[in-house]
Amino acid sequence: MTILKPVTVDYVDTIFHDRTEQYAIEEVKIEPHSSFVHTSVGDQAVKTRFRVTIIAIQRQDAIIGNPPPDERFCAGDIVIVFGEKRALEAFEQAVNKK
């Protein structure tokens, strides 16, 4: 990959190892009591409101990659998100808030 896509490899290496940037990938489970249940990615304005990027949603045995804005969250979904650690924490708190 370093030969084929050197800029991408360098970027990924930097964001996960640079001490000044605190980025991570997290898994956040949508609990049955979550206010996100039955709302869509767009309804929650995840990207603008929380400044995180949803990479995928795992729903049972299926993976929904790069979910569209009209994709609705379901209880039990595991949302895979990327962003700054503080933003990820805020997203997880909002998801699990009753």
PDB file of N, CA and C in Angstrom:
ATOM      1  N   MET A   1       0.831  -1.201   0.000  1.00  0.00           N
ATOM      2  CA  MET A   1       0.000   0.000   0.000  1.00  0.00           C
ATOM      3  C   MET A   1       0.871   1.259   0.000  1.00  0.00           C
ATOM      4  N   THR A   2       2.007   1.214   0.680  1.00  0.00           N
ATOM      5  CA  THR A   2       2.871   2.386   0.740  1.00  0.00           C
ATOM      6  C   THR A   2       3.329   2.813  -0.645  1.00  0.00           C
ATOM      7  N   ILE A   3       3.568   1.863  -1.507  1.00  0.00           N
ATOM      8  CA  ILE A   3       4.004   2.181  -2.867  1.00  0.00           C
ATOM      9  C   ILE A   3       2.835   2.681  -3.701  1.00  0.00           C
ATOM     10  N   LEU A   4       1.678   2.026  -3.579  1.00  0.00           N
ATOM     11  CA  LEU A   4       0.524   2.368  -4.406  1.00  0.00           C
ATOM     12  C   LEU A   4      -0.182   3.641  -3.953  1.00  0.00           C
ATOM     13  N   LYS A   5      -0.255   3.838  -2.644  1.00  0.00           N
ATOM     14  CA  LYS A   5      -0.987   4.989  -2.102  1.00  0.00           C
ATOM     15  C   LYS A   5      -0.207   5.603  -0.940  1.00  0.00           C
ATOM     16  N   PRO A   6       0.932   6.198  -1.228  1.00  0.00           N
ATOM     17  CA  PRO A   6       1.788   6.694  -0.153  1.00  0.00           C
ATOM     18  C   PRO A   6       1.161   7.817   0.677  1.00  0.00           C
ATOM     19  N   VAL A   7       0.404   8.692   0.057  1.00  0.00           N
ATOM     20  CA  VAL A   7      -0.212   9.797   0.800  1.00  0.00           C
ATOM     21  C   VAL A   7      -1.247   9.261   1.786  1.00  0.00           C
ATOM     22  N   THR A   8      -2.051   8.307   1.341  1.00  0.00           N
ATOM     23  CA  THR A   8      -3.076   7.719   2.205  1.00  0.00           C
ATOM     24  C   THR A   8      -2.437   6.997   3.379  1.00  0.00           C
ATOM     25  N   VAL A   9      -1.426   6.197   3.114  1.00  0.00           N
ATOM     26  CA  VAL A   9      -0.756   5.463   4.193  1.00  0.00           C
ATOM     27  C   VAL A   9      -0.130   6.436   5.182  1.00  0.00           C
ATOM     28  N   ASP A  10       0.493   7.488   4.683  1.00  0.00           N
ATOM     29  CA  ASP A  10       1.112   8.487   5.562  1.00  0.00           C
ATOM     30  C   ASP A  10       0.057   9.182   6.413  1.00  0.00           C
ATOM     31  N   TYR A  11      -1.072   9.537   5.807  1.00  0.00           N
ATOM     32  CA  TYR A  11      -2.150  10.196   6.548  1.00  0.00           C
ATOM     33  C   TYR A  11      -2.679   9.296   7.667  1.00  0.00           C
ATOM     34  N   VAL A  12      -2.986   8.049   7.350  1.00  0.00           N
ATOM     35  CA  VAL A  12      -3.517   7.129   8.355  1.00  0.00           C
ATOM     36  C   VAL A  12      -2.502   6.929   9.470  1.00  0.00           C
ATOM     37  N   ASP A  13      -1.241   6.769   9.117  1.00  0.00           N
ATOM     38  CA  ASP A  13      -0.201   6.615  10.129  1.00  0.00           C
ATOM     39  C   ASP A  13      -0.127   7.850  11.025  1.00  0.00           C
ATOM     40  N   THR A  14      -0.225   9.015  10.438  1.00  0.00           N
ATOM     41  CA  THR A  14      -0.146  10.265  11.203  1.00  0.00           C
ATOM     42  C   THR A  14      -1.325  10.425  12.151  1.00  0.00           C
ATOM     43  N   ILE A  15      -2.541  10.185  11.687  1.00  0.00           N
ATOM     44  CA  ILE A  15      -3.702  10.434  12.544  1.00  0.00           C
ATOM     45  C   ILE A  15      -3.792   9.473  13.719  1.00  0.00           C
ATOM     46  N   PHE A  16      -3.227   8.278  13.571  1.00  0.00           N
ATOM     47  CA  PHE A  16      -3.298   7.322  14.666  1.00  0.00           C
ATOM     48  C   PHE A  16      -2.070   7.328  15.562  1.00  0.00           C
ATOM     49  N   HIS A  17      -1.011   8.016  15.155  1.00  0.00           N
ATOM     50  CA  HIS A  17       0.201   8.003  15.964  1.00  0.00           C
ATOM     51  C   HIS A  17       0.711   9.380  16.357  1.00  0.00           C
ATOM     52  N   ASP A  18       0.189  10.424  15.771  1.00  0.00           N
ATOM     53  CA  ASP A  18       0.615  11.779  16.113  1.00  0.00           C
ATOM     54  C   ASP A  18       0.023  12.167  17.458  1.00  0.00           C
ATOM     55  N   ARG A  19       0.834  12.614  18.333  1.00  0.00           N
ATOM     56  CA  ARG A  19       0.389  12.952  19.694  1.00  0.00           C
ATOM     57  C   ARG A  19      -0.455  14.228  19.743  1.00  0.00           C
ATOM     58  N   THR A  20      -0.355  15.098  18.744  1.00  0.00           N
ATOM     59  CA  THR A  20      -1.136  16.337  18.773  1.00  0.00           C
ATOM     60  C   THR A  20      -2.555  16.133  18.261  1.00  0.00           C
ATOM     61  N   GLU A  21      -2.737  15.157  17.413  1.00  0.00           N
ATOM     62  CA  GLU A  21      -4.070  14.847  16.886  1.00  0.00           C
ATOM     63  C   GLU A  21      -4.601  13.626  17.613  1.00  0.00           C
ATOM     64  N   GLN A  22      -5.786  13.711  18.150  1.00  0.00           N
ATOM     65  CA  GLN A  22      -6.366  12.626  18.942  1.00  0.00           C
ATOM     66  C   GLN A  22      -7.547  12.000  18.208  1.00  0.00           C
ATOM     67  N   TYR A  23      -7.255  11.265  17.143  1.00  0.00           N
ATOM     68  CA  TYR A  23      -8.302  10.617  16.361  1.00  0.00           C
ATOM     69  C   TYR A  23      -8.412   9.143  16.736  1.00  0.00           C
ATOM     70  N   ALA A  24      -9.593   8.594  16.531  1.00  0.00           N
ATOM     71  CA  ALA A  24      -9.804   7.180  16.818  1.00  0.00           C
ATOM     72  C   ALA A  24     -11.000   6.682  16.018  1.00  0.00           C
ATOM     73  N   ILE A  25     -11.131   5.371  16.008  1.00  0.00           N
ATOM     74  CA  ILE A  25     -12.313   4.705  15.469  1.00  0.00           C
ATOM     75  C   ILE A  25     -12.967   3.994  16.647  1.00  0.00           C
ATOM     76  N   GLU A  26     -14.259   4.189  16.813  1.00  0.00           N
ATOM     77  CA  GLU A  26     -14.989   3.595  17.933  1.00  0.00           C
ATOM     78  C   GLU A  26     -16.209   2.838  17.431  1.00  0.00           C
ATOM     79  N   GLU A  27     -16.668   1.926  18.261  1.00  0.00           N
ATOM     80  CA  GLU A  27     -17.926   1.222  18.030  1.00  0.00           C
ATOM     81  C   GLU A  27     -18.907   1.691  19.097  1.00  0.00           C
ATOM     82  N   VAL A  28     -20.049   2.159  18.664  1.00  0.00           N
ATOM     83  CA  VAL A  28     -21.064   2.656  19.592  1.00  0.00           C
ATOM     84  C   VAL A  28     -22.350   1.870  19.351  1.00  0.00           C
ATOM     85  N   LYS A  29     -22.816   1.212  20.403  1.00  0.00           N
ATOM     86  CA  LYS A  29     -24.038   0.407  20.280  1.00  0.00           C
ATOM     87  C   LYS A  29     -25.269   1.275  20.522  1.00  0.00           C
ATOM     88  N   ILE A  30     -26.267   1.101  19.678  1.00  0.00           N
ATOM     89  CA  ILE A  30     -27.542   1.793  19.834  1.00  0.00           C
ATOM     90  C   ILE A  30     -28.414   0.938  20.762  1.00  0.00           C
ATOM     91  N   GLU A  31     -28.593   1.404  21.973  1.00  0.00           N
ATOM     92  CA  GLU A  31     -29.400   0.680  22.960  1.00  0.00           C
ATOM     93  C   GLU A  31     -30.890   0.908  22.678  1.00  0.00           C
ATOM     94  N   PRO A  32     -31.755  -0.007  23.129  1.00  0.00           N
ATOM     95  CA  PRO A  32     -33.200   0.135  22.868  1.00  0.00           C
ATOM     96  C   PRO A  32     -33.799   1.451  23.376  1.00  0.00           C
ATOM     97  N   HIS A  33     -33.243   2.007  24.454  1.00  0.00           N
ATOM     98  CA  HIS A  33     -33.784   3.245  25.026  1.00  0.00           C
ATOM     99  C   HIS A  33     -33.260   4.511  24.326  1.00  0.00           C
ATOM    100  N   SER A  34     -32.331   4.357  23.389  1.00  0.00           N
ATOM    101  CA  SER A  34     -31.695   5.505  22.741  1.00  0.00           C
ATOM    102  C   SER A  34     -32.701   6.329  21.941  1.00  0.00           C
ATOM    103  N   SER A  35     -32.530   7.635  21.997  1.00  0.00           N
ATOM    104  CA  SER A  35     -33.385   8.525  21.200  1.00  0.00           C
ATOM    105  C   SER A  35     -33.046   8.432  19.712  1.00  0.00           C
ATOM    106  N   PHE A  36     -31.958   7.758  19.362  1.00  0.00           N
ATOM    107  CA  PHE A  36     -31.579   7.588  17.962  1.00  0.00           C
ATOM    108  C   PHE A  36     -32.408   6.498  17.267  1.00  0.00           C
ATOM    109  N   VAL A  37     -32.995   5.589  18.034  1.00  0.00           N
ATOM    110  CA  VAL A  37     -33.750   4.477  17.455  1.00  0.00           C
ATOM    111  C   VAL A  37     -34.873   5.031  16.576  1.00  0.00           C
ATOM    112  N   HIS A  38     -34.955   4.522  15.362  1.00  0.00           N
ATOM    113  CA  HIS A  38     -35.949   4.882  14.345  1.00  0.00           C
ATOM    114  C   HIS A  38     -35.738   6.268  13.745  1.00  0.00           C
ATOM    115  N   THR A  39     -34.635   6.942  14.085  1.00  0.00           N
ATOM    116  CA  THR A  39     -34.294   8.193  13.405  1.00  0.00           C
ATOM    117  C   THR A  39     -33.211   7.873  12.387  1.00  0.00           C
ATOM    118  N   SER A  40     -32.978   8.782  11.461  1.00  0.00           N
ATOM    119  CA  SER A  40     -31.998   8.523  10.410  1.00  0.00           C
ATOM    120  C   SER A  40     -30.679   9.240  10.693  1.00  0.00           C
ATOM    121  N   VAL A  41     -29.676   8.831   9.949  1.00  0.00           N
ATOM    122  CA  VAL A  41     -28.376   9.496  10.023  1.00  0.00           C
ATOM    123  C   VAL A  41     -28.568  10.989   9.736  1.00  0.00           C
ATOM    124  N   GLY A  42     -29.367  11.291   8.731  1.00  0.00           N
ATOM    125  CA  GLY A  42     -29.645  12.685   8.374  1.00  0.00           C
ATOM    126  C   GLY A  42     -30.430  13.424   9.441  1.00  0.00           C
ATOM    127  N   ASP A  43     -31.423  12.753  10.044  1.00  0.00           N
ATOM    128  CA  ASP A  43     -32.202  13.383  11.123  1.00  0.00           C
ATOM    129  C   ASP A  43     -31.286  13.835  12.254  1.00  0.00           C
ATOM    130  N   GLN A  44     -30.297  13.008  12.560  1.00  0.00           N
ATOM    131  CA  GLN A  44     -29.397  13.301  13.671  1.00  0.00           C
ATOM    132  C   GLN A  44     -28.252  14.235  13.267  1.00  0.00           C
ATOM    133  N   ALA A  45     -28.134  14.549  11.982  1.00  0.00           N
ATOM    134  CA  ALA A  45     -27.072  15.437  11.479  1.00  0.00           C
ATOM    135  C   ALA A  45     -25.724  15.077  12.099  1.00  0.00           C
ATOM    136  N   VAL A  46     -25.417  13.785  12.040  1.00  0.00           N
ATOM    137  CA  VAL A  46     -24.246  13.248  12.734  1.00  0.00           C
ATOM    138  C   VAL A  46     -22.969  13.980  12.355  1.00  0.00           C
ATOM    139  N   LYS A  47     -22.742  14.178  11.075  1.00  0.00           N
ATOM    140  CA  LYS A  47     -21.491  14.800  10.631  1.00  0.00           C
ATOM    141  C   LYS A  47     -21.363  16.240  11.122  1.00  0.00           C
ATOM    142  N   THR A  48     -22.404  17.033  11.005  1.00  0.00           N
ATOM    143  CA  THR A  48     -22.308  18.445  11.397  1.00  0.00           C
ATOM    144  C   THR A  48     -22.499  18.643  12.906  1.00  0.00           C
ATOM    145  N   ARG A  49     -23.382  17.892  13.501  1.00  0.00           N
ATOM    146  CA  ARG A  49     -23.682  18.052  14.928  1.00  0.00           C
ATOM    147  C   ARG A  49     -22.568  17.527  15.826  1.00  0.00           C
ATOM    148  N   PHE A  50     -21.997  16.391  15.452  1.00  0.00           N
ATOM    149  CA  PHE A  50     -21.007  15.756  16.312  1.00  0.00           C
ATOM    150  C   PHE A  50     -19.594  15.799  15.751  1.00  0.00           C
ATOM    151  N   ARG A  51     -19.462  16.145  14.480  1.00  0.00           N
ATOM    152  CA  ARG A  51     -18.148  16.191  13.825  1.00  0.00           C
ATOM    153  C   ARG A  51     -17.455  14.832  13.837  1.00  0.00           C
ATOM    154  N   VAL A  52     -18.257  13.792  13.606  1.00  0.00           N
ATOM    155  CA  VAL A  52     -17.731  12.436  13.438  1.00  0.00           C
ATOM    156  C   VAL A  52     -18.253  11.894  12.114  1.00  0.00           C
ATOM    157  N   THR A  53     -17.570  10.892  11.612  1.00  0.00           N
ATOM    158  CA  THR A  53     -17.958  10.259  10.360  1.00  0.00           C
ATOM    159  C   THR A  53     -18.365   8.820  10.627  1.00  0.00           C
ATOM    160  N   ILE A  54     -19.561   8.474  10.198  1.00  0.00           N
ATOM    161  CA  ILE A  54     -19.996   7.087  10.317  1.00  0.00           C
ATOM    162  C   ILE A  54     -19.376   6.306   9.166  1.00  0.00           C
ATOM    163  N   ILE A  55     -18.555   5.343   9.517  1.00  0.00           N
ATOM    164  CA  ILE A  55     -17.910   4.499   8.512  1.00  0.00           C
ATOM    165  C   ILE A  55     -18.860   3.389   8.091  1.00  0.00           C
ATOM    166  N   ALA A  56     -19.528   2.808   9.083  1.00  0.00           N
ATOM    167  CA  ALA A  56     -20.432   1.691   8.793  1.00  0.00           C
ATOM    168  C   ALA A  56     -21.373   1.479   9.967  1.00  0.00           C
ATOM    169  N   ILE A  57     -22.437   0.733   9.690  1.00  0.00           N
ATOM    170  CA  ILE A  57     -23.361   0.278  10.724  1.00  0.00           C
ATOM    171  C   ILE A  57     -23.435  -1.234  10.601  1.00  0.00           C
ATOM    172  N   GLN A  58     -23.174  -1.905  11.725  1.00  0.00           N
ATOM    173  CA  GLN A  58     -23.357  -3.356  11.739  1.00  0.00           C
ATOM    174  C   GLN A  58     -24.739  -3.617  12.303  1.00  0.00           C
ATOM    175  N   ARG A  59     -25.541  -4.322  11.532  1.00  0.00           N
ATOM    176  CA  ARG A  59     -26.899  -4.673  11.948  1.00  0.00           C
ATOM    177  C   ARG A  59     -27.029  -6.180  11.803  1.00  0.00           C
ATOM    178  N   GLN A  60     -27.065  -6.854  12.936  1.00  0.00           N
ATOM    179  CA  GLN A  60     -27.053  -8.320  12.967  1.00  0.00           C
ATOM    180  C   GLN A  60     -25.836  -8.808  12.185  1.00  0.00           C
ATOM    181  N   ASP A  61     -26.041  -9.562  11.120  1.00  0.00           N
ATOM    182  CA  ASP A  61     -24.913 -10.092  10.346  1.00  0.00           C
ATOM    183  C   ASP A  61     -24.566  -9.232   9.132  1.00  0.00           C
ATOM    184  N   ALA A  62     -25.235  -8.117   8.952  1.00  0.00           N
ATOM    185  CA  ALA A  62     -24.999  -7.264   7.786  1.00  0.00           C
ATOM    186  C   ALA A  62     -24.167  -6.039   8.168  1.00  0.00           C
ATOM    187  N   ILE A  63     -23.375  -5.578   7.226  1.00  0.00           N
ATOM    188  CA  ILE A  63     -22.617  -4.339   7.382  1.00  0.00           C
ATOM    189  C   ILE A  63     -23.134  -3.355   6.343  1.00  0.00           C
ATOM    190  N   ILE A  64     -23.526  -2.182   6.798  1.00  0.00           N
ATOM    191  CA  ILE A  64     -23.974  -1.121   5.899  1.00  0.00           C
ATOM    192  C   ILE A  64     -22.836  -0.110   5.843  1.00  0.00           C
ATOM    193  N   GLY A  65     -22.043  -0.175   4.788  1.00  0.00           N
ATOM    194  CA  GLY A  65     -20.905   0.723   4.642  1.00  0.00           C
ATOM    195  C   GLY A  65     -21.334   2.085   4.149  1.00  0.00           C
ATOM    196  N   ASN A  66     -20.685   3.111   4.697  1.00  0.00           N
ATOM    197  CA  ASN A  66     -20.967   4.492   4.298  1.00  0.00           C
ATOM    198  C   ASN A  66     -22.475   4.727   4.202  1.00  0.00           C
ATOM    199  N   PRO A  67     -23.186   4.573   5.314  1.00  0.00           N
ATOM    200  CA  PRO A  67     -24.649   4.649   5.269  1.00  0.00           C
ATOM    201  C   PRO A  67     -25.155   5.997   4.764  1.00  0.00           C
ATOM    202  N   PRO A  68     -26.190   5.962   3.928  1.00  0.00           N
ATOM    203  CA  PRO A  68     -26.755   7.199   3.391  1.00  0.00           C
ATOM    204  C   PRO A  68     -27.541   7.958   4.462  1.00  0.00           C
ATOM    205  N   PRO A  69     -27.830   9.226   4.227  1.00  0.00           N
ATOM    206  CA  PRO A  69     -28.552  10.034   5.215  1.00  0.00           C
ATOM    207  C   PRO A  69     -29.917   9.478   5.607  1.00  0.00           C
ATOM    208  N   ASP A  70     -30.563   8.711   4.712  1.00  0.00           N
ATOM    209  CA  ASP A  70     -31.891   8.189   5.040  1.00  0.00           C
ATOM    210  C   ASP A  70     -31.844   6.839   5.764  1.00  0.00           C
ATOM    211  N   GLU A  71     -30.637   6.326   6.046  1.00  0.00           N
ATOM    212  CA  GLU A  71     -30.526   5.068   6.798  1.00  0.00           C
ATOM    213  C   GLU A  71     -30.971   5.300   8.236  1.00  0.00           C
ATOM    214  N   ARG A  72     -31.910   4.465   8.698  1.00  0.00           N
ATOM    215  CA  ARG A  72     -32.448   4.608  10.054  1.00  0.00           C
ATOM    216  C   ARG A  72     -31.704   3.712  11.035  1.00  0.00           C
ATOM    217  N   PHE A  73     -31.472   4.263  12.226  1.00  0.00           N
ATOM    218  CA  PHE A  73     -30.834   3.498  13.288  1.00  0.00           C
ATOM    219  C   PHE A  73     -31.850   2.540  13.910  1.00  0.00           C
ATOM    220  N   CYS A  74     -31.392   1.359  14.263  1.00  0.00           N
ATOM    221  CA  CYS A  74     -32.221   0.351  14.919  1.00  0.00           C
ATOM    222  C   CYS A  74     -31.581  -0.031  16.246  1.00  0.00           C
ATOM    223  N   ALA A  75     -32.401  -0.411  17.198  1.00  0.00           N
ATOM    224  CA  ALA A  75     -31.875  -0.904  18.473  1.00  0.00           C
ATOM    225  C   ALA A  75     -30.966  -2.089  18.187  1.00  0.00           C
ATOM    226  N   GLY A  76     -29.818  -2.101  18.810  1.00  0.00           N
ATOM    227  CA  GLY A  76     -28.859  -3.175  18.615  1.00  0.00           C
ATOM    228  C   GLY A  76     -27.819  -2.895  17.542  1.00  0.00           C
ATOM    229  N   ASP A  77     -28.016  -1.848  16.739  1.00  0.00           N
ATOM    230  CA  ASP A  77     -27.004  -1.486  15.743  1.00  0.00           C
ATOM    231  C   ASP A  77     -25.691  -1.153  16.440  1.00  0.00           C
ATOM    232  N   ILE A  78     -24.606  -1.491  15.787  1.00  0.00           N
ATOM    233  CA  ILE A  78     -23.289  -1.034  16.234  1.00  0.00           C
ATOM    234  C   ILE A  78     -22.800  -0.065  15.165  1.00  0.00           C
ATOM    235  N   VAL A  79     -22.611   1.179  15.584  1.00  0.00           N
ATOM    236  CA  VAL A  79     -22.207   2.239  14.671  1.00  0.00           C
ATOM    237  C   VAL A  79     -20.687   2.393  14.777  1.00  0.00           C
ATOM    238  N   ILE A  80     -20.008   2.268  13.662  1.00  0.00           N
ATOM    239  CA  ILE A  80     -18.554   2.418  13.628  1.00  0.00           C
ATOM    240  C   ILE A  80     -18.272   3.835  13.149  1.00  0.00           C
ATOM    241  N   VAL A  81     -17.640   4.616  14.030  1.00  0.00           N
ATOM    242  CA  VAL A  81     -17.430   6.033  13.755  1.00  0.00           C
ATOM    243  C   VAL A  81     -15.962   6.418  13.884  1.00  0.00           C
ATOM    244  N   PHE A  82     -15.589   7.437  13.119  1.00  0.00           N
ATOM    245  CA  PHE A  82     -14.233   7.975  13.120  1.00  0.00           C
ATOM    246  C   PHE A  82     -14.295   9.449  13.477  1.00  0.00           C
ATOM    247  N   GLY A  83     -13.360   9.913  14.286  1.00  0.00           N
ATOM    248  CA  GLY A  83     -13.289  11.332  14.598  1.00  0.00           C
ATOM    249  C   GLY A  83     -12.324  11.598  15.738  1.00  0.00           C
ATOM    250  N   GLU A  84     -12.276  12.856  16.159  1.00  0.00           N
ATOM    251  CA  GLU A  84     -11.461  13.213  17.313  1.00  0.00           C
ATOM    252  C   GLU A  84     -12.060  12.559  18.543  1.00  0.00           C
ATOM    253  N   LYS A  85     -11.208  12.190  19.470  1.00  0.00           N
ATOM    254  CA  LYS A  85     -11.664  11.450  20.647  1.00  0.00           C
ATOM    255  C   LYS A  85     -12.746  12.193  21.422  1.00  0.00           C
ATOM    256  N   ARG A  86     -12.603  13.503  21.568  1.00  0.00           N
ATOM    257  CA  ARG A  86     -13.639  14.269  22.297  1.00  0.00           C
ATOM    258  C   ARG A  86     -14.976  14.234  21.571  1.00  0.00           C
ATOM    259  N   ALA A  87     -14.932  14.319  20.250  1.00  0.00           N
ATOM    260  CA  ALA A  87     -16.166  14.271  19.460  1.00  0.00           C
ATOM    261  C   ALA A  87     -16.806  12.893  19.546  1.00  0.00           C
ATOM    262  N   LEU A  88     -15.984  11.856  19.550  1.00  0.00           N
ATOM    263  CA  LEU A  88     -16.501  10.490  19.676  1.00  0.00           C
ATOM    264  C   LEU A  88     -17.174  10.288  21.026  1.00  0.00           C
ATOM    265  N   GLU A  89     -16.583  10.843  22.072  1.00  0.00           N
ATOM    266  CA  GLU A  89     -17.183  10.741  23.407  1.00  0.00           C
ATOM    267  C   GLU A  89     -18.527  11.453  23.453  1.00  0.00           C
ATOM    268  N   ALA A  90     -18.606  12.631  22.848  1.00  0.00           N
ATOM    269  CA  ALA A  90     -19.869  13.380  22.816  1.00  0.00           C
ATOM    270  C   ALA A  90     -20.930  12.614  22.026  1.00  0.00           C
ATOM    271  N   PHE A  91     -20.539  12.017  20.918  1.00  0.00           N
ATOM    272  CA  PHE A  91     -21.470  11.218  20.118  1.00  0.00           C
ATOM    273  C   PHE A  91     -21.988  10.037  20.926  1.00  0.00           C
ATOM    274  N   GLU A  92     -21.090   9.321  21.593  1.00  0.00           N
ATOM    275  CA  GLU A  92     -21.505   8.156  22.376  1.00  0.00           C
ATOM    276  C   GLU A  92     -22.444   8.564  23.516  1.00  0.00           C
ATOM    277  N   GLN A  93     -22.169   9.677  24.167  1.00  0.00           N
ATOM    278  CA  GLN A  93     -23.057  10.138  25.232  1.00  0.00           C
ATOM    279  C   GLN A  93     -24.441  10.473  24.694  1.00  0.00           C
ATOM    280  N   ALA A  94     -24.498  11.131  23.541  1.00  0.00           N
ATOM    281  CA  ALA A  94     -25.779  11.495  22.933  1.00  0.00           C
ATOM    282  C   ALA A  94     -26.557  10.263  22.512  1.00  0.00           C
ATOM    283  N   VAL A  95     -25.867   9.277  21.959  1.00  0.00           N
ATOM    284  CA  VAL A  95     -26.516   8.045  21.511  1.00  0.00           C
ATOM    285  C   VAL A  95     -27.137   7.308  22.702  1.00  0.00           C
ATOM    286  N   ASN A  96     -26.428   7.273  23.800  1.00  0.00           N
ATOM    287  CA  ASN A  96     -26.878   6.484  24.947  1.00  0.00           C
ATOM    288  C   ASN A  96     -27.740   7.272  25.941  1.00  0.00           C
ATOM    289  N   LYS A  97     -27.960   8.544  25.643  1.00  0.00           N
ATOM    290  CA  LYS A  97     -28.828   9.360  26.498  1.00  0.00           C
ATOM    291  C   LYS A  97     -30.266   8.901  26.343  1.00  0.00           C
ATOM    292  N   LYS A  98     -30.959   8.806  27.447  1.00  0.00           N
ATOM    293  CA  LYS A  98     -32.363   8.352  27.405  1.00  0.00           C
ATOM    294  C   LYS A  98     -33.290   9.472  27.033  1.00  0.00           C
TER     295      LYS A  98
END
